[in-house]
Protein backbone atom coordinates (compact mmCIF):
# COMPACT_ATOMS: atom_id res chain seq x y z
CA MET A 1 25.71 137.64 65.90
CA THR A 2 29.22 138.38 64.55
CA GLU A 3 32.25 136.32 65.61
CA ILE A 4 33.58 139.16 67.74
CA SER A 5 30.29 139.79 69.52
CA LEU A 6 29.91 136.03 70.00
CA PHE A 7 33.39 136.00 71.52
CA CYS A 8 32.49 138.84 73.90
CA TYR A 9 29.23 137.11 74.82
CA ASN A 10 31.09 133.85 75.52
CA CYS A 11 33.66 135.69 77.62
CA ILE A 12 30.90 137.23 79.74
CA GLU A 13 28.91 133.97 79.88
CA GLN A 14 31.93 132.09 81.25
CA LYS A 15 31.82 134.44 84.27
CA HIS A 16 35.52 135.08 84.58
CA THR A 17 36.61 136.48 87.90
CA ALA A 18 38.23 139.61 86.50
CA THR A 19 36.07 142.19 84.80
CA VAL A 20 38.65 144.96 85.15
CA ILE A 21 42.20 144.47 83.87
CA ASP A 22 44.76 147.23 84.39
CA GLY A 23 41.86 149.60 85.00
CA PHE A 24 40.09 148.68 81.74
CA ASN A 25 36.70 146.96 81.65
CA ASN A 26 36.02 147.18 77.92
CA GLU A 27 37.10 144.21 75.78
CA LYS A 28 38.60 146.45 73.09
CA ALA A 29 40.56 148.48 75.64
CA ILE A 30 41.82 145.25 77.24
CA ALA A 31 42.87 143.89 73.83
CA ASP A 32 44.58 147.21 72.96
CA ARG A 33 46.44 147.12 76.29
CA PHE A 34 47.49 143.53 75.57
CA ALA A 35 48.81 144.56 72.15
CA SER A 36 50.68 147.53 73.59
CA VAL A 37 52.35 145.54 76.37
CA PHE A 38 53.21 142.70 74.00
CA GLN A 39 54.72 145.13 71.50
CA ASP A 40 56.83 146.76 74.23
CA ALA A 41 57.97 143.35 75.52
CA CYS A 42 59.15 142.33 72.06
CA VAL A 43 61.53 145.24 71.56
CA PRO A 44 65.19 144.32 72.20
CA ASN A 45 66.86 146.04 75.15
CA SER A 46 70.21 146.01 73.36
CA LEU A 47 70.55 145.97 69.58
CA GLN A 48 74.07 144.51 69.87
CA ARG A 49 72.91 141.61 72.08
CA HIS A 50 69.89 141.12 69.85
CA GLY A 51 72.20 140.75 66.84
CA GLU A 52 74.37 138.22 68.69
CA LEU A 53 71.37 136.11 69.72
CA GLU A 54 69.84 136.33 66.25
CA THR A 55 73.08 135.05 64.68
CA GLN A 56 73.26 132.26 67.24
CA PHE A 57 69.64 131.28 66.54
CA PHE A 58 70.06 131.16 62.77
CA THR A 59 73.30 129.17 63.09
CA ARG A 60 71.62 126.58 65.30
CA HIS A 61 68.49 126.58 63.16
CA SER A 62 70.45 125.90 59.98
CA GLN A 63 72.16 122.93 61.63
CA TYR A 64 69.01 121.46 63.21
CA VAL A 65 68.18 117.95 62.09
CA GLY A 66 64.92 116.75 63.58
CA ASP A 67 61.32 116.08 62.83
CA LYS A 68 59.64 118.51 60.51
CA PHE A 69 57.09 120.68 62.29
CA ASN A 70 53.58 119.47 61.62
CA ASP A 71 51.37 122.49 60.89
CA ASN A 72 48.33 120.60 62.19
CA ILE A 73 49.65 120.37 65.74
CA VAL A 74 48.61 123.86 66.88
CA THR A 75 44.92 124.58 66.45
CA VAL A 76 42.63 127.33 67.70
CA GLU A 77 40.97 124.73 69.92
CA LEU A 78 44.29 123.67 71.46
CA VAL A 79 45.28 127.27 72.16
CA GLY A 80 41.84 127.87 73.70
CA GLU A 81 42.16 124.79 75.92
CA CYS A 82 45.58 125.95 77.12
CA ILE A 83 44.28 129.45 77.86
CA ASP A 84 41.31 127.98 79.76
CA LYS A 85 43.76 126.15 82.04
CA LEU A 86 45.55 129.35 83.08
CA LYS A 87 45.15 130.22 86.75
CA LYS A 88 43.27 133.47 87.31
CA GLY A 89 44.26 136.14 89.79
CA LYS A 90 48.01 135.50 89.57
CA ALA A 91 50.70 138.14 89.21
CA PRO A 92 51.73 138.96 85.64
CA GLY A 93 54.98 137.74 84.15
CA LEU A 94 57.82 139.81 82.76
CA ASP A 95 55.61 140.76 79.82
CA ASP A 96 53.14 142.37 82.28
CA LEU A 97 50.29 140.18 80.97
CA THR A 98 47.91 138.35 83.28
CA ALA A 99 45.89 135.23 82.59
CA GLU A 100 42.85 137.48 82.35
CA HIS A 101 44.38 139.27 79.33
CA PHE A 102 44.56 135.96 77.51
CA ILE A 103 41.18 134.69 78.72
CA CYS A 104 39.26 137.75 77.55
CA SER A 105 41.13 137.73 74.26
CA SER A 106 41.34 133.95 73.79
CA TYR A 107 39.36 133.83 70.53
CA LEU A 108 41.50 136.51 68.91
CA ILE A 109 44.78 135.26 70.32
CA GLY A 110 44.06 131.66 69.29
CA THR A 111 43.38 132.73 65.74
CA LEU A 112 46.52 134.89 65.60
CA ILE A 113 48.78 132.19 67.03
CA VAL A 114 47.56 129.56 64.60
CA THR A 115 48.08 131.85 61.60
CA VAL A 116 51.65 132.80 62.59
């Protein structure tokens, strides 16, 4: 069994409450919807304001004196545990993503987050 099919099997075996998300019931379609919504949510509304905030971020970042980030803090397991704690059946946030999006994509999302 491949990792992806094992992931899909585990998602089904966990008997999540939602089998249809935004009208999609196929794991690939759900993941594609997640990617589309996430991509749209990450586009700045105003390029001028984006530039201002980016400058502010880099100024603060360059002056930050604190503990170095430990790369071993965020693991796939930790991301999975956090996703498992999400409450199902709640309204989506501003990014239009529900807990079910993350739950049915938890293996893929965990891997992506850790590699970023």
